[in-house]
């Protein structure tokens, strides 16, 4: 599963959990002999936040994800992100 980790920022409060917005699909994988969940084509991950002060700040962190097709899965990939608020 995709993981999103946020760096601590004393000016930013996360509200709730990260929401996944996309078409979640489930299929039995013959290679692994388990049911797998995945999003096909497109998914959005949404995190609501509150900012404690009217100062300029940012929210940053790391996204870890994996991509697969019907033949193989690539190793998990980590990408950092930073969004100015």
N, C-alpha and C. Protein backbone atom coordinates (compact mmCIF):
# COMPACT_ATOMS: atom_id res chain seq x y z
N UNK A 1 0.83 -1.21 0.00
CA UNK A 1 0.00 0.00 0.00
C UNK A 1 0.86 1.26 0.00
N UNK A 2 0.31 2.30 -0.56
CA UNK A 2 0.98 3.60 -0.57
C UNK A 2 1.02 4.15 0.84
N UNK A 3 2.18 4.70 1.23
CA UNK A 3 2.34 5.31 2.55
C UNK A 3 2.75 6.75 2.37
N UNK A 4 2.14 7.65 3.15
CA UNK A 4 2.50 9.06 3.13
C UNK A 4 2.88 9.46 4.54
N UNK A 5 4.11 9.91 4.71
CA UNK A 5 4.61 10.37 6.00
C UNK A 5 4.90 11.86 5.93
N UNK A 6 4.39 12.59 6.90
CA UNK A 6 4.59 14.03 6.94
C UNK A 6 5.66 14.38 7.96
N UNK A 7 6.53 15.34 7.59
CA UNK A 7 7.51 15.85 8.54
C UNK A 7 6.79 16.74 9.55
N UNK A 8 7.29 16.79 10.77
CA UNK A 8 6.66 17.61 11.81
C UNK A 8 6.83 19.09 11.46
N UNK A 9 5.76 19.84 11.68
CA UNK A 9 5.78 21.29 11.50
C UNK A 9 4.87 21.85 12.59
N UNK A 10 5.42 22.63 13.53
CA UNK A 10 4.61 23.13 14.64
C UNK A 10 3.48 24.08 14.22
N UNK A 11 3.52 24.58 12.98
CA UNK A 11 2.48 25.50 12.52
C UNK A 11 1.34 24.78 11.80
N UNK A 12 1.48 23.49 11.56
CA UNK A 12 0.50 22.74 10.78
C UNK A 12 -0.08 21.61 11.62
N UNK A 13 -1.41 21.50 11.61
CA UNK A 13 -2.12 20.41 12.29
C UNK A 13 -2.84 19.59 11.22
N UNK A 14 -2.57 18.27 11.19
CA UNK A 14 -3.31 17.40 10.27
C UNK A 14 -4.70 17.16 10.85
N UNK A 15 -5.70 17.22 10.00
CA UNK A 15 -7.09 16.99 10.39
C UNK A 15 -7.54 15.68 9.77
N UNK A 16 -7.73 14.67 10.60
CA UNK A 16 -8.15 13.38 10.10
C UNK A 16 -7.03 12.63 9.43
N UNK A 17 -7.41 11.57 8.72
CA UNK A 17 -6.45 10.72 8.01
C UNK A 17 -6.40 11.10 6.54
N UNK A 18 -5.39 10.59 5.85
CA UNK A 18 -5.28 10.78 4.41
C UNK A 18 -6.42 10.03 3.74
N UNK A 19 -7.15 10.72 2.87
CA UNK A 19 -8.24 10.11 2.12
C UNK A 19 -7.73 9.67 0.76
N UNK A 20 -8.18 8.53 0.30
CA UNK A 20 -7.82 8.01 -1.02
C UNK A 20 -9.04 8.15 -1.92
N UNK A 21 -8.87 8.90 -3.00
CA UNK A 21 -9.98 9.17 -3.91
C UNK A 21 -9.65 8.56 -5.27
N UNK A 22 -10.27 7.44 -5.58
CA UNK A 22 -10.04 6.75 -6.84
C UNK A 22 -10.85 5.47 -6.87
N UNK A 23 -10.77 4.76 -7.97
CA UNK A 23 -11.52 3.51 -8.11
C UNK A 23 -10.66 2.37 -7.56
N UNK A 24 -10.97 1.92 -6.35
CA UNK A 24 -10.25 0.82 -5.72
C UNK A 24 -10.73 -0.50 -6.32
N UNK A 25 -9.79 -1.28 -6.80
CA UNK A 25 -10.13 -2.56 -7.41
C UNK A 25 -9.49 -3.70 -6.62
N UNK A 26 -10.12 -4.87 -6.70
CA UNK A 26 -9.63 -6.05 -5.97
C UNK A 26 -9.59 -7.21 -6.95
N UNK A 27 -8.48 -7.94 -6.92
CA UNK A 27 -8.35 -9.11 -7.79
C UNK A 27 -7.46 -10.14 -7.11
N UNK A 28 -7.63 -11.38 -7.52
CA UNK A 28 -6.78 -12.45 -6.99
C UNK A 28 -5.54 -12.53 -7.86
N UNK A 29 -4.37 -12.45 -7.24
CA UNK A 29 -3.10 -12.51 -7.95
C UNK A 29 -2.59 -13.95 -7.94
N UNK A 30 -2.52 -14.56 -9.12
CA UNK A 30 -2.07 -15.95 -9.24
C UNK A 30 -0.61 -16.11 -8.83
N UNK A 31 0.21 -15.08 -9.06
CA UNK A 31 1.64 -15.16 -8.71
C UNK A 31 1.85 -15.25 -7.20
N UNK A 32 1.13 -14.40 -6.46
CA UNK A 32 1.30 -14.34 -5.00
C UNK A 32 0.26 -15.16 -4.24
N UNK A 33 -0.76 -15.61 -4.96
CA UNK A 33 -1.84 -16.41 -4.36
C UNK A 33 -2.58 -15.65 -3.24
N UNK A 34 -2.79 -14.36 -3.44
CA UNK A 34 -3.51 -13.53 -2.48
C UNK A 34 -4.38 -12.54 -3.25
N UNK A 35 -5.38 -11.99 -2.56
CA UNK A 35 -6.16 -10.89 -3.11
C UNK A 35 -5.33 -9.62 -2.99
N UNK A 36 -5.29 -8.83 -4.05
CA UNK A 36 -4.57 -7.56 -4.02
C UNK A 36 -5.54 -6.42 -4.31
N UNK A 37 -5.32 -5.32 -3.64
CA UNK A 37 -6.09 -4.10 -3.86
C UNK A 37 -5.22 -3.11 -4.61
N UNK A 38 -5.81 -2.42 -5.57
CA UNK A 38 -5.03 -1.45 -6.33
C UNK A 38 -5.96 -0.40 -6.94
N UNK A 39 -5.37 0.73 -7.30
CA UNK A 39 -6.07 1.77 -8.02
C UNK A 39 -5.59 1.73 -9.46
N UNK A 40 -6.52 1.66 -10.39
CA UNK A 40 -6.13 1.68 -11.79
C UNK A 40 -6.27 3.10 -12.32
N UNK A 41 -5.36 3.46 -13.17
CA UNK A 41 -5.35 4.74 -13.88
C UNK A 41 -5.01 5.94 -13.00
N UNK A 42 -5.81 6.25 -11.98
CA UNK A 42 -5.61 7.50 -11.26
C UNK A 42 -6.13 7.40 -9.83
N UNK A 43 -5.41 8.00 -8.90
CA UNK A 43 -5.85 8.11 -7.52
C UNK A 43 -5.34 9.43 -6.95
N UNK A 44 -6.12 10.06 -6.11
CA UNK A 44 -5.70 11.28 -5.40
C UNK A 44 -5.66 10.98 -3.92
N UNK A 45 -4.61 11.45 -3.25
CA UNK A 45 -4.49 11.31 -1.82
C UNK A 45 -4.68 12.71 -1.23
N UNK A 46 -5.63 12.84 -0.30
CA UNK A 46 -6.02 14.15 0.22
C UNK A 46 -5.85 14.19 1.73
N UNK A 47 -5.10 15.18 2.21
CA UNK A 47 -4.92 15.38 3.65
C UNK A 47 -5.40 16.78 4.00
N UNK A 48 -6.43 16.88 4.85
CA UNK A 48 -6.89 18.18 5.33
C UNK A 48 -5.96 18.64 6.44
N UNK A 49 -5.72 19.95 6.48
CA UNK A 49 -4.84 20.52 7.50
C UNK A 49 -5.42 21.83 8.02
N UNK A 50 -4.91 22.26 9.18
CA UNK A 50 -5.17 23.60 9.70
C UNK A 50 -3.82 24.24 9.96
N UNK A 51 -3.74 25.54 9.68
CA UNK A 51 -2.51 26.28 9.93
C UNK A 51 -2.73 27.11 11.19
N UNK A 52 -1.80 26.99 12.16
CA UNK A 52 -1.95 27.65 13.45
C UNK A 52 -1.75 29.15 13.39
N UNK A 53 -0.94 29.62 12.46
CA UNK A 53 -0.65 31.06 12.38
C UNK A 53 -0.71 31.50 10.93
N UNK A 54 -0.76 32.80 10.72
CA UNK A 54 -0.83 33.32 9.35
C UNK A 54 0.57 33.50 8.75
N UNK A 55 1.54 32.81 9.28
CA UNK A 55 2.91 32.90 8.76
C UNK A 55 3.07 31.99 7.54
N UNK A 56 4.04 32.32 6.68
CA UNK A 56 4.35 31.44 5.56
C UNK A 56 5.04 30.20 6.11
N UNK A 57 4.62 29.04 5.61
CA UNK A 57 5.21 27.78 6.05
C UNK A 57 5.07 26.76 4.93
N UNK A 58 5.41 25.55 5.19
CA UNK A 58 5.25 24.49 4.19
C UNK A 58 4.92 23.19 4.88
N UNK A 59 4.41 22.26 4.10
CA UNK A 59 4.19 20.90 4.58
C UNK A 59 5.06 20.01 3.67
N UNK A 60 5.77 19.09 4.30
CA UNK A 60 6.68 18.25 3.53
C UNK A 60 6.67 16.84 4.10
N UNK A 61 7.24 15.93 3.34
CA UNK A 61 7.28 14.54 3.80
C UNK A 61 7.76 13.62 2.71
N UNK A 62 7.32 12.36 2.82
CA UNK A 62 7.77 11.30 1.91
C UNK A 62 6.59 10.43 1.52
N UNK A 63 6.51 10.08 0.23
CA UNK A 63 5.51 9.16 -0.28
C UNK A 63 6.24 7.89 -0.70
N UNK A 64 5.73 6.74 -0.25
CA UNK A 64 6.29 5.45 -0.66
C UNK A 64 5.21 4.69 -1.42
N UNK A 65 5.56 4.23 -2.60
CA UNK A 65 4.57 3.54 -3.43
C UNK A 65 5.25 2.45 -4.25
N UNK A 66 4.42 1.62 -4.88
CA UNK A 66 4.91 0.53 -5.71
C UNK A 66 4.00 0.42 -6.93
N UNK A 67 4.58 0.10 -8.07
CA UNK A 67 3.78 -0.10 -9.27
C UNK A 67 3.97 -1.53 -9.77
N UNK A 68 2.88 -2.06 -10.31
CA UNK A 68 2.89 -3.43 -10.82
C UNK A 68 2.10 -3.49 -12.11
N UNK A 69 2.41 -4.52 -12.89
CA UNK A 69 1.56 -4.85 -14.02
C UNK A 69 1.22 -6.33 -13.90
N UNK A 70 0.73 -6.94 -14.96
CA UNK A 70 0.31 -8.34 -14.86
C UNK A 70 1.48 -9.32 -14.84
N UNK A 71 2.71 -8.83 -14.98
CA UNK A 71 3.87 -9.71 -15.01
C UNK A 71 4.85 -9.49 -13.85
N UNK A 72 4.97 -8.26 -13.37
CA UNK A 72 5.95 -8.00 -12.32
C UNK A 72 5.60 -6.74 -11.53
N UNK A 73 6.25 -6.62 -10.37
CA UNK A 73 6.14 -5.43 -9.53
C UNK A 73 7.53 -4.84 -9.38
N UNK A 74 7.62 -3.54 -9.52
CA UNK A 74 8.90 -2.87 -9.29
C UNK A 74 9.09 -2.70 -7.79
N UNK A 75 10.34 -2.58 -7.33
CA UNK A 75 10.56 -2.38 -5.90
C UNK A 75 9.90 -1.08 -5.42
N UNK A 76 9.55 -1.00 -4.14
CA UNK A 76 8.96 0.23 -3.62
C UNK A 76 9.87 1.44 -3.89
N UNK A 77 9.23 2.56 -4.20
CA UNK A 77 9.93 3.81 -4.49
C UNK A 77 9.52 4.85 -3.46
N UNK A 78 10.49 5.65 -3.01
CA UNK A 78 10.22 6.75 -2.09
C UNK A 78 10.51 8.07 -2.78
N UNK A 79 9.57 9.01 -2.65
CA UNK A 79 9.72 10.35 -3.24
C UNK A 79 9.40 11.38 -2.16
N UNK A 80 10.26 12.35 -2.00
CA UNK A 80 9.99 13.43 -1.05
C UNK A 80 9.11 14.48 -1.73
N UNK A 81 8.38 15.23 -0.91
CA UNK A 81 7.55 16.32 -1.43
C UNK A 81 7.61 17.50 -0.47
N UNK A 82 7.32 18.67 -0.99
CA UNK A 82 7.26 19.90 -0.20
C UNK A 82 6.26 20.83 -0.86
N UNK A 83 5.29 21.31 -0.09
CA UNK A 83 4.25 22.19 -0.60
C UNK A 83 4.25 23.47 0.24
N UNK A 84 4.46 24.60 -0.44
CA UNK A 84 4.39 25.89 0.25
C UNK A 84 2.94 26.23 0.56
N UNK A 85 2.70 26.71 1.77
CA UNK A 85 1.33 27.07 2.20
C UNK A 85 1.22 28.57 2.35
